[in-house]
Amino acid sequence: MESESYKERLDDVRYEQKQMIKDKTAAICHTEWIIDGDRRAGIAATNLYFKQILRSFNNEAEVIINKVRHSNLEASLKRLQRSYNQLNKIYSKDQVEITEEYYNLKLDELYIAYGYKQKKQEEKEELKEQREREKEEKKNTKTTSKRKRKI
């Protein structure tokens, strides 16, 4: 697979995440809050909780995903899961949690980003090797043409 297909898959996963946030399925609230007898105020508070928990999770996930390398994939997976569990625990008092489906999309993003970085590195190395071969070929043709001239 080429790096461009990884990039497309990354874009697709990120689009799905944005759609879940837009559809309000990225996080759920197990209680319908009513503040001072006002249901609208409860909905507003719930939406605020959603924004807070998702912003925190997305920021932490972005840092983890940007730093993933072949040497730290397992640690990155653990950090992402720890972030998910801790945020759900913190917001459990308010009956708000990040859905497992959204968490799985973040895991997909992590794996795809890892694959993308690996593929980019491979392509970079292949390009370097190709340049070295071309340089060697030029050197050989130059040497051959010098010999022909001598003869």
Protein backbone atom coordinates (compact mmCIF):
# COMPACT_ATOMS: atom_id res chain seq x y z
CA MET A 1 0.00 0.00 0.00
CA GLU A 2 1.27 3.47 -0.79
CA SER A 3 1.39 6.32 1.69
CA GLU A 4 -1.37 8.13 -0.20
CA SER A 5 -3.86 5.36 0.55
CA TYR A 6 -2.92 5.60 4.24
CA LYS A 7 -3.50 9.35 4.03
CA GLU A 8 -6.95 8.78 2.50
CA ARG A 9 -7.84 6.27 5.22
CA LEU A 10 -6.71 8.78 7.87
CA ASP A 11 -8.95 11.42 6.32
CA ASP A 12 -11.88 8.96 6.29
CA VAL A 13 -11.44 8.06 9.97
CA ARG A 14 -11.15 11.71 10.95
CA TYR A 15 -14.29 12.50 8.96
CA GLU A 16 -16.15 9.72 10.81
CA GLN A 17 -14.99 11.19 14.13
CA LYS A 18 -16.19 14.66 13.14
CA GLN A 19 -19.52 13.19 12.06
CA MET A 20 -19.92 11.42 15.40
CA ILE A 21 -19.24 14.68 17.24
CA LYS A 22 -21.70 16.51 14.99
CA ASP A 23 -24.35 13.81 15.51
CA LYS A 24 -23.63 13.85 19.26
CA THR A 25 -22.80 10.15 19.34
CA ALA A 26 -19.14 10.51 20.34
CA ALA A 27 -20.12 10.93 24.00
CA ILE A 28 -23.26 10.00 25.88
CA CYS A 29 -24.99 11.13 29.03
CA HIS A 30 -26.83 8.52 31.06
CA THR A 31 -29.02 11.06 32.85
CA GLU A 32 -31.33 13.77 31.61
CA TRP A 33 -30.28 16.77 33.64
CA ILE A 34 -32.81 19.36 34.79
CA ILE A 35 -31.32 22.45 36.41
CA ASP A 36 -33.66 24.55 38.59
CA GLY A 37 -36.62 22.93 36.88
CA ASP A 38 -35.34 23.95 33.44
CA ARG A 39 -34.75 21.14 30.98
CA ARG A 40 -33.01 23.47 28.48
CA ALA A 41 -30.43 24.44 31.07
CA GLY A 42 -29.82 20.73 31.67
CA ILE A 43 -29.32 20.13 27.96
CA ALA A 44 -26.94 23.09 27.78
CA ALA A 45 -24.94 21.72 30.72
CA THR A 46 -24.81 18.27 29.13
CA ASN A 47 -23.58 19.76 25.85
CA LEU A 48 -20.90 21.62 27.80
CA TYR A 49 -19.79 18.37 29.43
CA PHE A 50 -19.64 16.74 25.98
CA LYS A 51 -17.44 19.55 24.67
CA GLN A 52 -15.12 19.36 27.67
CA ILE A 53 -14.63 15.60 27.69
CA LEU A 54 -14.19 15.38 23.91
CA ARG A 55 -11.83 18.34 23.76
CA SER A 56 -9.68 16.80 26.49
CA PHE A 57 -9.67 13.38 24.87
CA ASN A 58 -9.01 14.73 21.37
CA ASN A 59 -6.11 16.89 22.56
CA GLU A 60 -4.47 14.02 24.39
CA ALA A 61 -5.08 11.65 21.47
CA GLU A 62 -3.60 14.14 19.00
CA VAL A 63 -0.39 14.39 21.00
CA ILE A 64 -0.15 10.61 21.27
CA ILE A 65 -0.87 10.05 17.57
CA ASN A 66 1.62 12.70 16.45
CA LYS A 67 4.40 11.10 18.51
CA VAL A 68 3.77 7.45 17.56
CA ARG A 69 6.81 5.61 16.17
CA HIS A 70 7.72 1.97 15.66
CA SER A 71 9.55 2.04 18.97
CA ASN A 72 6.63 3.34 21.05
CA LEU A 73 3.47 1.86 19.51
CA GLU A 74 2.59 -0.25 22.56
CA ALA A 75 3.19 2.66 24.94
CA SER A 76 1.04 4.90 22.72
CA LEU A 77 -1.79 2.39 22.81
CA LYS A 78 -1.59 2.22 26.60
CA ARG A 79 -1.51 6.02 26.91
CA LEU A 80 -4.60 6.36 24.70
CA GLN A 81 -6.50 3.75 26.70
CA ARG A 82 -5.43 5.35 29.98
CA SER A 83 -6.67 8.73 28.77
CA TYR A 84 -10.02 7.21 27.73
CA ASN A 85 -10.46 5.43 31.07
CA GLN A 86 -9.39 8.39 33.20
CA LEU A 87 -11.64 10.88 31.44
CA ASN A 88 -14.62 8.53 31.68
CA LYS A 89 -13.86 8.07 35.37
CA ILE A 90 -13.56 11.83 35.99
CA TYR A 91 -16.86 12.55 34.25
CA SER A 92 -18.69 9.54 35.71
CA LYS A 93 -20.04 11.77 38.49
CA ASP A 94 -21.83 13.78 35.82
CA GLN A 95 -22.99 10.58 34.04
CA VAL A 96 -21.05 11.52 30.88
CA GLU A 97 -18.68 9.23 29.01
CA ILE A 98 -16.92 8.86 25.68
CA THR A 99 -18.46 6.06 23.64
CA GLU A 100 -16.47 2.95 22.90
CA GLU A 101 -17.20 3.43 19.18
CA TYR A 102 -15.49 6.84 19.25
CA TYR A 103 -12.56 5.39 21.20
CA ASN A 104 -12.22 2.63 18.58
CA LEU A 105 -12.07 5.27 15.84
CA LYS A 106 -9.20 6.92 17.72
CA LEU A 107 -7.45 3.55 17.93
CA ASP A 108 -7.95 3.14 14.17
CA GLU A 109 -6.48 6.60 13.65
CA LEU A 110 -3.47 5.68 15.77
CA TYR A 111 -2.81 2.48 13.81
CA ILE A 112 -3.29 4.19 10.45
CA ALA A 113 -1.03 7.09 11.46
CA TYR A 114 1.57 4.55 12.55
CA GLY A 115 1.30 2.73 9.20
CA TYR A 116 1.43 6.02 7.32
CA LYS A 117 4.62 7.08 9.08
CA GLN A 118 6.18 3.67 8.48
CA LYS A 119 5.28 3.79 4.78
CA LYS A 120 6.60 7.35 4.39
CA GLN A 121 9.90 6.23 5.95
CA GLU A 122 10.09 3.24 3.60
CA GLU A 123 9.40 5.44 0.58
CA LYS A 124 12.05 7.89 1.75
CA GLU A 125 14.61 5.08 2.07
CA GLU A 126 13.67 3.65 -1.34
CA LEU A 127 14.10 7.08 -2.91
CA LYS A 128 17.50 7.45 -1.25
CA GLU A 129 18.59 4.03 -2.53
CA GLN A 130 17.37 4.89 -6.03
CA ARG A 131 19.36 8.13 -6.01
CA GLU A 132 22.46 6.25 -4.87
CA ARG A 133 22.02 3.70 -7.69
CA GLU A 134 21.61 6.50 -10.24
CA LYS A 135 24.72 8.22 -8.90
CA GLU A 136 26.66 4.95 -9.14
CA GLU A 137 25.40 4.37 -12.70
CA LYS A 138 26.50 7.87 -13.74
CA LYS A 139 29.89 7.24 -12.21
CA ASN A 140 30.20 3.92 -14.06
CA THR A 141 29.17 5.40 -17.41
CA LYS A 142 31.63 8.24 -16.93
CA THR A 143 34.41 5.78 -16.16
CA THR A 144 33.44 3.62 -19.15
CA SER A 145 33.40 6.60 -21.52
CA LYS A 146 36.85 7.69 -20.26
CA ARG A 147 38.21 4.19 -20.95
CA LYS A 148 36.70 4.18 -24.43
CA ARG A 149 38.33 7.52 -25.20
CA LYS A 150 41.71 6.23 -24.03
CA ILE A 151 41.42 3.17 -26.23
